[in-house]
C-alpha cells in the first residue's frame, strides 16, 4: 500500500522546486528580486517538515524549529516585498 504522507511530502517538494525555479527564471529575465515565489517555496518547505514530523520522519523539536524558521522567512520575504512596492 502506498503511504500517502510520502505523496503529499513529494508534492510539497515539487512546489518548493517550482518556486525556486520560478524565482530563478524571474531574476534571470527581469533582474528583479523574486520574493513572492521564494516565500511560497519557504511555506511549502515548512509544510514538508510538519508532514514529516507528523509521520515520524523528523523529531518534533527539530521539525518545529525548522517550520518556524521557514514561516518567519516567508513572512520576512513578503514584508520586504510590500515595503519595496511602496
C-alpha atoms as a PDB file:
ATOM      1  CA  UNK A   1       0.000   0.000   0.000  1.00  0.00           C
ATOM      2  CA  UNK A   2       1.220   3.493  -0.824  1.00  0.00           C
ATOM      3  CA  UNK A   3       1.998   5.806   2.061  1.00  0.00           C
ATOM      4  CA  UNK A   4       0.004   8.945   1.232  1.00  0.00           C
ATOM      5  CA  UNK A   5       2.164  11.075   3.510  1.00  0.00           C
ATOM      6  CA  UNK A   6       5.101  10.472   1.191  1.00  0.00           C
ATOM      7  CA  UNK A   7       2.954  11.542  -1.765  1.00  0.00           C
ATOM      8  CA  UNK A   8       1.999  14.801  -0.029  1.00  0.00           C
ATOM      9  CA  UNK A   9       5.604  15.414   1.011  1.00  0.00           C
ATOM     10  CA  UNK A  10       6.687  14.783  -2.567  1.00  0.00           C
ATOM     11  CA  UNK A  11       4.049  17.200  -3.841  1.00  0.00           C
ATOM     12  CA  UNK A  12       5.268  19.884  -1.447  1.00  0.00           C
ATOM     13  CA  UNK A  13       8.858  19.272  -2.528  1.00  0.00           C
ATOM     14  CA  UNK A  14       7.729  19.812  -6.122  1.00  0.00           C
ATOM     15  CA  UNK A  15       6.146  23.117  -5.051  1.00  0.00           C
ATOM     16  CA  UNK A  16       9.440  24.115  -3.413  1.00  0.00           C
ATOM     17  CA  UNK A  17      11.429  23.243  -6.539  1.00  0.00           C
ATOM     18  CA  UNK A  18       8.905  25.036  -8.756  1.00  0.00           C
ATOM     19  CA  UNK A  19       9.007  28.137  -6.542  1.00  0.00           C
ATOM     20  CA  UNK A  20      12.785  28.249  -6.672  1.00  0.00           C
ATOM     21  CA  UNK A  21      12.687  27.647 -10.423  1.00  0.00           C
ATOM     22  CA  UNK A  22      10.216  30.472 -10.977  1.00  0.00           C
ATOM     23  CA  UNK A  23      12.322  32.751  -8.787  1.00  0.00           C
ATOM     24  CA  UNK A  24      15.476  31.922 -10.760  1.00  0.00           C
ATOM     25  CA  UNK A  25      13.674  32.452 -14.069  1.00  0.00           C
ATOM     26  CA  UNK A  26      12.177  35.754 -12.896  1.00  0.00           C
ATOM     27  CA  UNK A  27      15.553  37.012 -11.704  1.00  0.00           C
ATOM     28  CA  UNK A  28      17.253  35.942 -14.936  1.00  0.00           C
ATOM     29  CA  UNK A  29      14.692  37.613 -17.188  1.00  0.00           C
ATOM     30  CA  UNK A  30      13.879  40.796 -15.276  1.00  0.00           C
ATOM     31  CA  UNK A  31      16.713  41.290 -12.812  1.00  0.00           C
ATOM     32  CA  UNK A  32      14.192  41.952 -10.034  1.00  0.00           C
ATOM     33  CA  UNK A  33      14.282  40.218  -6.672  1.00  0.00           C
ATOM     34  CA  UNK A  34      11.716  37.387  -6.829  1.00  0.00           C
ATOM     35  CA  UNK A  35      10.497  37.416  -3.242  1.00  0.00           C
ATOM     36  CA  UNK A  36       6.952  36.058  -3.668  1.00  0.00           C
ATOM     37  CA  UNK A  37       7.954  32.733  -5.282  1.00  0.00           C
ATOM     38  CA  UNK A  38      10.634  32.306  -2.639  1.00  0.00           C
ATOM     39  CA  UNK A  39       8.074  32.953   0.104  1.00  0.00           C
ATOM     40  CA  UNK A  40       5.792  30.304  -1.395  1.00  0.00           C
ATOM     41  CA  UNK A  41       8.711  27.892  -1.512  1.00  0.00           C
ATOM     42  CA  UNK A  42       9.541  28.629   2.144  1.00  0.00           C
ATOM     43  CA  UNK A  43       5.957  27.943   3.259  1.00  0.00           C
ATOM     44  CA  UNK A  44       5.889  24.691   1.287  1.00  0.00           C
ATOM     45  CA  UNK A  45       9.223  23.696   2.808  1.00  0.00           C
ATOM     46  CA  UNK A  46       7.746  24.300   6.260  1.00  0.00           C
ATOM     47  CA  UNK A  47       4.887  22.018   5.269  1.00  0.00           C
ATOM     48  CA  UNK A  48       7.397  19.317   4.388  1.00  0.00           C
ATOM     49  CA  UNK A  49       8.787  19.473   7.910  1.00  0.00           C
ATOM     50  CA  UNK A  50       5.338  19.394   9.509  1.00  0.00           C
ATOM     51  CA  UNK A  51       4.171  16.420   7.461  1.00  0.00           C
ATOM     52  CA  UNK A  52       7.454  14.668   8.114  1.00  0.00           C
ATOM     53  CA  UNK A  53       7.114  15.226  11.848  1.00  0.00           C
ATOM     54  CA  UNK A  54       3.508  14.046  11.889  1.00  0.00           C
ATOM     55  CA  UNK A  55       4.551  10.796  10.210  1.00  0.00           C
ATOM     56  CA  UNK A  56       7.657  10.177  12.276  1.00  0.00           C
ATOM     57  CA  UNK A  57      10.318  11.184   9.759  1.00  0.00           C
ATOM     58  CA  UNK A  58      11.568  14.128  11.860  1.00  0.00           C
ATOM     59  CA  UNK A  59      11.845  14.661  15.588  1.00  0.00           C
ATOM     60  CA  UNK A  60       9.199  17.056  16.861  1.00  0.00           C
ATOM     61  CA  UNK A  61      11.625  19.648  18.210  1.00  0.00           C
ATOM     62  CA  UNK A  62      13.658  19.800  15.018  1.00  0.00           C
ATOM     63  CA  UNK A  63      10.542  19.957  12.857  1.00  0.00           C
ATOM     64  CA  UNK A  64       9.038  22.738  14.976  1.00  0.00           C
ATOM     65  CA  UNK A  65      12.205  24.832  14.808  1.00  0.00           C
ATOM     66  CA  UNK A  66      12.626  24.314  11.066  1.00  0.00           C
ATOM     67  CA  UNK A  67       8.958  25.028  10.368  1.00  0.00           C
ATOM     68  CA  UNK A  68       9.061  28.208  12.444  1.00  0.00           C
ATOM     69  CA  UNK A  69      12.212  29.285  10.614  1.00  0.00           C
ATOM     70  CA  UNK A  70      10.582  28.692   7.229  1.00  0.00           C
ATOM     71  CA  UNK A  71       7.446  30.604   8.181  1.00  0.00           C
ATOM     72  CA  UNK A  72       9.410  33.523   9.621  1.00  0.00           C
ATOM     73  CA  UNK A  73      11.480  33.620   6.450  1.00  0.00           C
ATOM     74  CA  UNK A  74       8.312  33.664   4.343  1.00  0.00           C
ATOM     75  CA  UNK A  75       6.771  36.470   6.402  1.00  0.00           C
ATOM     76  CA  UNK A  76      10.009  38.432   6.163  1.00  0.00           C
ATOM     77  CA  UNK A  77      10.149  37.991   2.390  1.00  0.00           C
ATOM     78  CA  UNK A  78       6.551  39.159   1.991  1.00  0.00           C
ATOM     79  CA  UNK A  79       7.197  42.153   4.278  1.00  0.00           C
ATOM     80  CA  UNK A  80      10.237  43.126   2.202  1.00  0.00           C
ATOM     81  CA  UNK A  81       8.186  42.700  -0.981  1.00  0.00           C
ATOM     82  CA  UNK A  82       5.405  45.006   0.240  1.00  0.00           C
ATOM     83  CA  UNK A  83       7.854  47.502   1.678  1.00  0.00           C
ATOM     84  CA  UNK A  84       9.711  47.756  -1.636  1.00  0.00           C
ATOM     85  CA  UNK A  85       6.431  48.249  -3.558  1.00  0.00           C
ATOM     86  CA  UNK A  86       5.706  51.494  -1.742  1.00  0.00           C
END
